Amino acid sequence: MEGTTRPWGKYEILLDGDNCKVKRISVSPGQRPSYQYHHKRNEHWVIIAGVGQIRVNDKITPVSTGDSIYVPAMSKHTILNTSEKDHLVFIEIQTGDYFGEDDIVRLEDDYGRI
């Protein structure tokens, strides 16, 4: 998968439309994106490979292939890849009126990006 590399893994934009954006996101073993929220977009995640734990508003839920999660705007969220060897891969469908990366409000970050 080509795309944009982050310290926790990488993502590829599959669709960038006026009313939605779709990404394929791969989280490296043992890693997680920042615990964050967005003002202007909702996210729907569909796990397509791997295992992990999603944290939404401090509630932690295990996830695996086939699971889907809805993350409304303003909900704090992250996902942890709990595997020691396999990537956690999911499709993220963003809906709302703005999809810029500058609509990320980081609350916790393992990589010093706050």
Protein backbone atom coordinates (compact mmCIF):
# COMPACT_ATOMS: atom_id res chain seq x y z
CA MET A 1 0.00 0.00 0.00
CA GLU A 2 1.41 3.36 -1.00
CA GLY A 3 0.21 6.51 0.64
CA THR A 4 1.03 8.77 3.54
CA THR A 5 3.31 7.40 6.25
CA ARG A 6 2.76 8.22 9.92
CA PRO A 7 4.72 7.04 12.98
CA TRP A 8 1.94 4.53 13.77
CA GLY A 9 1.53 3.17 10.23
CA LYS A 10 0.14 4.63 7.00
CA TYR A 11 -2.99 5.55 5.09
CA GLU A 12 -4.08 5.78 1.48
CA ILE A 13 -6.90 8.00 0.22
CA LEU A 14 -9.29 5.93 -1.90
CA LEU A 15 -11.90 8.66 -2.53
CA ASP A 16 -11.84 12.40 -1.88
CA GLY A 17 -15.31 13.72 -2.69
CA ASP A 18 -17.33 16.79 -1.80
CA ASN A 19 -19.46 14.98 0.79
CA CYS A 20 -17.17 12.13 1.88
CA LYS A 21 -13.59 10.93 2.05
CA VAL A 22 -12.54 7.26 2.16
CA LYS A 23 -9.18 6.03 3.46
CA ARG A 24 -7.52 2.62 3.81
CA ILE A 25 -5.61 2.79 7.09
CA SER A 26 -2.95 0.34 8.25
CA VAL A 27 -1.80 0.45 11.89
CA SER A 28 1.55 -1.24 12.59
CA PRO A 29 1.82 -3.96 15.26
CA GLY A 30 1.64 -2.53 18.78
CA GLN A 31 0.96 1.02 17.56
CA ARG A 32 -1.96 3.48 17.70
CA PRO A 33 -2.83 6.86 16.21
CA SER A 34 -3.33 9.75 18.64
CA TYR A 35 -6.38 9.87 20.92
CA GLN A 36 -8.24 12.66 19.13
CA TYR A 37 -11.50 14.16 17.98
CA HIS A 38 -12.80 16.15 15.02
CA HIS A 39 -15.14 19.14 14.93
CA LYS A 40 -16.46 18.72 11.40
CA ARG A 41 -16.54 15.05 10.46
CA ASN A 42 -18.01 11.72 11.47
CA GLU A 43 -16.11 8.50 10.81
CA HIS A 44 -17.28 4.97 10.13
CA TRP A 45 -14.58 2.30 10.39
CA VAL A 46 -14.78 -1.22 8.95
CA ILE A 47 -12.03 -3.59 10.08
CA ILE A 48 -10.76 -5.61 7.09
CA ALA A 49 -7.72 -7.34 8.67
CA GLY A 50 -6.19 -7.83 12.08
CA VAL A 51 -7.19 -7.36 15.70
CA GLY A 52 -7.15 -4.46 18.11
CA GLN A 53 -8.96 -2.30 20.61
CA ILE A 54 -10.92 0.82 19.81
CA ARG A 55 -11.27 3.54 22.43
CA VAL A 56 -14.22 5.90 22.00
CA ASN A 57 -14.87 8.44 24.76
CA ASP A 58 -12.77 6.30 27.13
CA LYS A 59 -14.77 3.10 26.45
CA ILE A 60 -12.46 0.33 25.18
CA THR A 61 -13.88 -2.38 22.90
CA PRO A 62 -12.04 -5.25 21.17
CA VAL A 63 -12.29 -5.32 17.35
CA SER A 64 -11.40 -7.80 14.63
CA THR A 65 -11.99 -8.46 10.94
CA GLY A 66 -15.59 -7.70 9.95
CA ASP A 67 -16.39 -5.34 12.81
CA SER A 68 -17.66 -1.83 12.13
CA ILE A 69 -17.55 1.20 14.39
CA TYR A 70 -19.27 4.58 14.10
CA VAL A 71 -17.39 7.57 15.55
CA PRO A 72 -19.55 10.73 15.58
CA ALA A 73 -17.98 14.19 15.34
CA MET A 74 -16.61 15.45 18.69
CA SER A 75 -16.14 11.85 19.98
CA LYS A 76 -12.67 11.17 21.35
CA HIS A 77 -11.20 8.09 19.65
CA THR A 78 -8.19 5.96 18.80
CA ILE A 79 -7.48 2.38 17.79
CA LEU A 80 -4.68 0.15 19.08
CA ASN A 81 -3.23 -2.72 17.11
CA THR A 82 -2.89 -5.48 19.73
CA SER A 83 -1.04 -7.87 17.41
CA GLU A 84 2.71 -8.36 17.76
CA LYS A 85 3.22 -9.21 14.06
CA ASP A 86 0.23 -8.34 11.84
CA HIS A 87 -1.06 -4.97 10.69
CA LEU A 88 -4.55 -3.81 11.69
CA VAL A 89 -6.24 -2.55 8.52
CA PHE A 90 -9.53 -0.72 8.26
CA ILE A 91 -11.54 1.37 5.82
CA GLU A 92 -12.46 4.80 7.17
CA ILE A 93 -15.45 6.59 5.64
CA GLN A 94 -15.60 10.25 6.64
CA THR A 95 -18.82 12.23 6.31
CA GLY A 96 -19.45 15.87 7.15
CA ASP A 97 -18.60 19.22 5.64
CA TYR A 98 -14.79 19.31 6.00
CA PHE A 99 -12.14 16.58 5.76
CA GLY A 100 -8.83 18.41 6.22
CA GLU A 101 -6.08 16.94 8.39
CA ASP A 102 -6.10 20.22 10.37
CA ASP A 103 -9.44 19.16 11.94
CA ILE A 104 -7.56 16.76 14.24
CA VAL A 105 -7.53 17.78 17.90
CA ARG A 106 -4.99 15.52 19.62
CA LEU A 107 -5.53 14.75 23.32
CA GLU A 108 -2.87 12.03 23.75
CA ASP A 109 -0.07 11.08 21.39
CA ASP A 110 2.71 8.49 21.67
CA TYR A 111 4.87 10.40 19.18
CA GLY A 112 5.04 13.92 20.69
CA ARG A 113 2.68 15.57 18.19
CA ILE A 114 0.55 17.49 20.70
